[in-house]
Amino acid sequence: MQIKKAGFLTKIVVLTLLVASAVSLLSLQGRIVEAQREQEELRLRVAQQSQLNADLRDAIDHSGDPDRQAAIARSELNLAAPGEKVIIFTD
């Protein structure tokens, strides 16, 4: 049985297919890297949002605590308890 040699046109077609496959693989590689970067960014955002949710849940759960209410009144509303003197330092 004789093996027939590939013609010039067949070689060109195979070479074209190989080049197209290589370009496609490189394009996919770039898309994979971009998707991994985006995935990591989204993981970070989820972690930050989870922490924020936990902080808010804690604030809701302890909203009736008198010590917490007093701390908020002092820090955010600049209020003072009766007989208490507030000293504010400026630069």
N, C-alpha and C. Protein backbone atom coordinates (compact mmCIF):
# COMPACT_ATOMS: atom_id res chain seq x y z
N MET A 1 0.83 -1.17 0.00
CA MET A 1 0.00 0.00 0.00
C MET A 1 0.88 1.25 0.00
N GLN A 2 0.60 2.11 -0.89
CA GLN A 2 1.40 3.32 -1.03
C GLN A 2 0.73 4.48 -0.31
N ILE A 3 1.57 5.32 0.31
CA ILE A 3 1.07 6.51 0.99
C ILE A 3 1.19 7.67 0.01
N LYS A 4 0.09 8.36 -0.19
CA LYS A 4 0.07 9.49 -1.11
C LYS A 4 0.55 10.74 -0.36
N LYS A 5 1.47 11.47 -0.96
CA LYS A 5 1.98 12.70 -0.35
C LYS A 5 0.92 13.79 -0.42
N ALA A 6 0.88 14.60 0.62
CA ALA A 6 -0.08 15.68 0.67
C ALA A 6 0.29 16.75 -0.35
N GLY A 7 -0.70 17.26 -1.00
CA GLY A 7 -0.48 18.30 -1.99
C GLY A 7 -0.24 19.65 -1.33
N PHE A 8 0.16 20.60 -2.14
CA PHE A 8 0.45 21.94 -1.65
C PHE A 8 -0.79 22.58 -1.02
N LEU A 9 -1.93 22.43 -1.64
CA LEU A 9 -3.16 23.02 -1.12
C LEU A 9 -3.52 22.42 0.23
N THR A 10 -3.35 21.13 0.39
CA THR A 10 -3.63 20.45 1.67
C THR A 10 -2.72 20.99 2.76
N LYS A 11 -1.47 21.21 2.42
CA LYS A 11 -0.52 21.74 3.40
C LYS A 11 -0.91 23.16 3.83
N ILE A 12 -1.35 23.95 2.88
CA ILE A 12 -1.78 25.32 3.19
C ILE A 12 -3.01 25.29 4.09
N VAL A 13 -3.97 24.42 3.81
CA VAL A 13 -5.18 24.32 4.63
C VAL A 13 -4.83 23.89 6.05
N VAL A 14 -3.98 22.89 6.19
CA VAL A 14 -3.58 22.41 7.52
C VAL A 14 -2.83 23.50 8.27
N LEU A 15 -1.94 24.22 7.60
CA LEU A 15 -1.20 25.30 8.24
C LEU A 15 -2.14 26.41 8.68
N THR A 16 -3.11 26.74 7.83
CA THR A 16 -4.09 27.77 8.19
C THR A 16 -4.90 27.35 9.41
N LEU A 17 -5.30 26.10 9.45
CA LEU A 17 -6.05 25.60 10.60
C LEU A 17 -5.22 25.64 11.87
N LEU A 18 -3.93 25.31 11.76
CA LEU A 18 -3.05 25.36 12.92
C LEU A 18 -2.88 26.79 13.43
N VAL A 19 -2.70 27.72 12.52
CA VAL A 19 -2.54 29.12 12.92
C VAL A 19 -3.84 29.63 13.55
N ALA A 20 -4.98 29.30 12.96
CA ALA A 20 -6.26 29.73 13.52
C ALA A 20 -6.47 29.13 14.91
N SER A 21 -6.09 27.89 15.10
CA SER A 21 -6.21 27.24 16.42
C SER A 21 -5.31 27.93 17.44
N ALA A 22 -4.09 28.26 17.04
CA ALA A 22 -3.17 28.93 17.96
C ALA A 22 -3.70 30.30 18.35
N VAL A 23 -4.21 31.06 17.39
CA VAL A 23 -4.76 32.38 17.69
C VAL A 23 -5.96 32.26 18.61
N SER A 24 -6.80 31.27 18.35
CA SER A 24 -7.98 31.05 19.19
C SER A 24 -7.57 30.69 20.61
N LEU A 25 -6.58 29.84 20.77
CA LEU A 25 -6.10 29.46 22.10
C LEU A 25 -5.54 30.66 22.85
N LEU A 26 -4.78 31.51 22.17
CA LEU A 26 -4.23 32.69 22.82
C LEU A 26 -5.34 33.64 23.24
N SER A 27 -6.35 33.78 22.41
CA SER A 27 -7.48 34.63 22.76
C SER A 27 -8.21 34.09 23.99
N LEU A 28 -8.43 32.79 24.01
CA LEU A 28 -9.09 32.17 25.16
C LEU A 28 -8.27 32.32 26.42
N GLN A 29 -6.96 32.21 26.29
CA GLN A 29 -6.07 32.38 27.45
C GLN A 29 -6.24 33.77 28.04
N GLY A 30 -6.29 34.78 27.19
CA GLY A 30 -6.49 36.15 27.66
C GLY A 30 -7.83 36.33 28.34
N ARG A 31 -8.86 35.71 27.79
CA ARG A 31 -10.19 35.81 28.40
C ARG A 31 -10.23 35.09 29.74
N ILE A 32 -9.51 33.99 29.86
CA ILE A 32 -9.46 33.24 31.13
C ILE A 32 -8.78 34.08 32.20
N VAL A 33 -7.67 34.72 31.85
CA VAL A 33 -6.95 35.56 32.81
C VAL A 33 -7.84 36.71 33.26
N GLU A 34 -8.54 37.34 32.33
CA GLU A 34 -9.44 38.44 32.67
C GLU A 34 -10.58 37.97 33.58
N ALA A 35 -11.13 36.79 33.28
CA ALA A 35 -12.21 36.25 34.09
C ALA A 35 -11.72 35.93 35.51
N GLN A 36 -10.51 35.43 35.63
CA GLN A 36 -9.96 35.13 36.95
C GLN A 36 -9.74 36.41 37.75
N ARG A 37 -9.28 37.47 37.09
CA ARG A 37 -9.09 38.75 37.76
C ARG A 37 -10.44 39.31 38.23
N GLU A 38 -11.43 39.21 37.38
CA GLU A 38 -12.76 39.68 37.74
C GLU A 38 -13.35 38.85 38.89
N GLN A 39 -13.11 37.55 38.85
CA GLN A 39 -13.60 36.68 39.92
C GLN A 39 -12.97 37.07 41.26
N GLU A 40 -11.68 37.35 41.26
CA GLU A 40 -11.01 37.74 42.51
C GLU A 40 -11.55 39.08 43.01
N GLU A 41 -11.79 40.01 42.09
CA GLU A 41 -12.36 41.30 42.48
C GLU A 41 -13.76 41.12 43.08
N LEU A 42 -14.55 40.26 42.50
CA LEU A 42 -15.89 40.00 43.03
C LEU A 42 -15.84 39.30 44.38
N ARG A 43 -14.88 38.41 44.57
CA ARG A 43 -14.70 37.76 45.87
C ARG A 43 -14.41 38.80 46.95
N LEU A 44 -13.55 39.75 46.61
CA LEU A 44 -13.21 40.82 47.55
C LEU A 44 -14.43 41.66 47.88
N ARG A 45 -15.22 42.00 46.86
CA ARG A 45 -16.43 42.78 47.10
C ARG A 45 -17.44 42.01 47.96
N VAL A 46 -17.55 40.70 47.74
CA VAL A 46 -18.46 39.88 48.55
C VAL A 46 -17.99 39.86 50.00
N ALA A 47 -16.68 39.73 50.21
CA ALA A 47 -16.14 39.72 51.58
C ALA A 47 -16.41 41.05 52.28
N GLN A 48 -16.22 42.16 51.55
CA GLN A 48 -16.47 43.47 52.14
C GLN A 48 -17.96 43.64 52.47
N GLN A 49 -18.82 43.21 51.57
CA GLN A 49 -20.26 43.35 51.81
C GLN A 49 -20.70 42.45 52.96
N SER A 50 -20.11 41.27 53.06
CA SER A 50 -20.44 40.37 54.17
C SER A 50 -20.06 40.99 55.51
N GLN A 51 -18.90 41.65 55.54
CA GLN A 51 -18.46 42.32 56.77
C GLN A 51 -19.41 43.47 57.11
N LEU A 52 -19.79 44.23 56.11
CA LEU A 52 -20.73 45.33 56.33
C LEU A 52 -22.06 44.79 56.85
N ASN A 53 -22.54 43.71 56.26
CA ASN A 53 -23.80 43.10 56.71
C ASN A 53 -23.70 42.63 58.16
N ALA A 54 -22.56 42.04 58.52
CA ALA A 54 -22.37 41.57 59.89
C ALA A 54 -22.36 42.76 60.86
N ASP A 55 -21.70 43.86 60.46
CA ASP A 55 -21.68 45.05 61.31
C ASP A 55 -23.08 45.63 61.49
N LEU A 56 -23.84 45.68 60.40
CA LEU A 56 -25.21 46.19 60.49
C LEU A 56 -26.09 45.28 61.34
N ARG A 57 -25.93 43.96 61.19
CA ARG A 57 -26.70 43.01 61.99
C ARG A 57 -26.38 43.20 63.47
N ASP A 58 -25.10 43.40 63.79
CA ASP A 58 -24.69 43.63 65.18
C ASP A 58 -25.30 44.93 65.70
N ALA A 59 -25.30 45.98 64.87
CA ALA A 59 -25.88 47.25 65.29
C ALA A 59 -27.38 47.11 65.55
N ILE A 60 -28.06 46.34 64.71
CA ILE A 60 -29.50 46.12 64.90
C ILE A 60 -29.75 45.30 66.16
N ASP A 61 -28.97 44.24 66.34
CA ASP A 61 -29.17 43.36 67.49
C ASP A 61 -28.92 44.07 68.82
N HIS A 62 -28.01 45.06 68.82
CA HIS A 62 -27.67 45.74 70.06
C HIS A 62 -28.16 47.20 70.08
N SER A 63 -29.16 47.50 69.29
CA SER A 63 -29.63 48.88 69.21
C SER A 63 -30.29 49.36 70.50
N GLY A 64 -30.78 48.45 71.33
CA GLY A 64 -31.43 48.83 72.57
C GLY A 64 -30.47 48.96 73.75
N ASP A 65 -29.19 48.70 73.54
CA ASP A 65 -28.19 48.75 74.61
C ASP A 65 -27.95 50.22 75.01
N PRO A 66 -28.20 50.57 76.26
CA PRO A 66 -28.03 51.98 76.69
C PRO A 66 -26.60 52.48 76.53
N ASP A 67 -25.62 51.62 76.78
CA ASP A 67 -24.22 52.05 76.62
C ASP A 67 -23.92 52.38 75.16
N ARG A 68 -24.44 51.57 74.27
CA ARG A 68 -24.23 51.80 72.84
C ARG A 68 -24.94 53.08 72.40
N GLN A 69 -26.14 53.31 72.91
CA GLN A 69 -26.87 54.53 72.57
C GLN A 69 -26.12 55.76 73.07
N ALA A 70 -25.55 55.67 74.27
CA ALA A 70 -24.79 56.79 74.82
C ALA A 70 -23.53 57.04 73.99
N ALA A 71 -22.88 55.98 73.56
CA ALA A 71 -21.66 56.13 72.74
C ALA A 71 -21.99 56.79 71.40
N ILE A 72 -23.10 56.39 70.81
CA ILE A 72 -23.52 57.01 69.54
C ILE A 72 -23.89 58.47 69.76
N ALA A 73 -24.59 58.76 70.84
CA ALA A 73 -24.98 60.15 71.14
C ALA A 73 -23.73 61.02 71.30
N ARG A 74 -22.70 60.48 71.94
CA ARG A 74 -21.47 61.25 72.15
C ARG A 74 -20.70 61.43 70.85
N SER A 75 -20.50 60.33 70.11
CA SER A 75 -19.62 60.39 68.94
C SER A 75 -20.28 61.02 67.72
N GLU A 76 -21.53 60.71 67.45
CA GLU A 76 -22.16 61.17 66.23
C GLU A 76 -23.01 62.43 66.41
N LEU A 77 -23.58 62.60 67.59
CA LEU A 77 -24.47 63.75 67.81
C LEU A 77 -23.84 64.82 68.69
N ASN A 78 -22.62 64.55 69.17
CA ASN A 78 -21.88 65.50 70.02
C ASN A 78 -22.69 65.90 71.26
N LEU A 79 -23.38 64.95 71.85
CA LEU A 79 -24.14 65.19 73.07
C LEU A 79 -23.30 64.79 74.28
N ALA A 80 -23.69 65.30 75.41
CA ALA A 80 -22.99 64.97 76.66
C ALA A 80 -24.03 64.62 77.71
N ALA A 81 -23.63 63.79 78.66
CA ALA A 81 -24.50 63.42 79.76
C ALA A 81 -24.59 64.61 80.72
N PRO A 82 -25.65 64.68 81.51
CA PRO A 82 -25.76 65.78 82.48
C PRO A 82 -24.55 65.81 83.42
N GLY A 83 -23.97 66.99 83.57
CA GLY A 83 -22.80 67.15 84.44
C GLY A 83 -21.49 66.80 83.76
N GLU A 84 -21.53 66.34 82.55
CA GLU A 84 -20.32 65.94 81.83
C GLU A 84 -19.80 67.13 81.03
N LYS A 85 -18.48 67.32 81.03
CA LYS A 85 -17.88 68.40 80.26
C LYS A 85 -17.19 67.78 79.04
N VAL A 86 -17.39 68.41 77.89
CA VAL A 86 -16.81 67.92 76.65
C VAL A 86 -15.66 68.82 76.27
N ILE A 87 -14.51 68.22 76.01
CA ILE A 87 -13.34 68.97 75.58
C ILE A 87 -13.02 68.50 74.16
N ILE A 88 -12.93 69.44 73.24
CA ILE A 88 -12.66 69.11 71.84
C ILE A 88 -11.28 69.68 71.49
N PHE A 89 -10.41 68.81 71.02
CA PHE A 89 -9.06 69.22 70.61
C PHE A 89 -9.07 69.46 69.10
N THR A 90 -8.48 70.58 68.71
CA THR A 90 -8.35 70.91 67.29
C THR A 90 -6.90 71.07 66.94
N ASP A 91 -6.61 70.98 65.69
CA ASP A 91 -5.22 71.11 65.24
C ASP A 91 -4.78 72.53 65.15
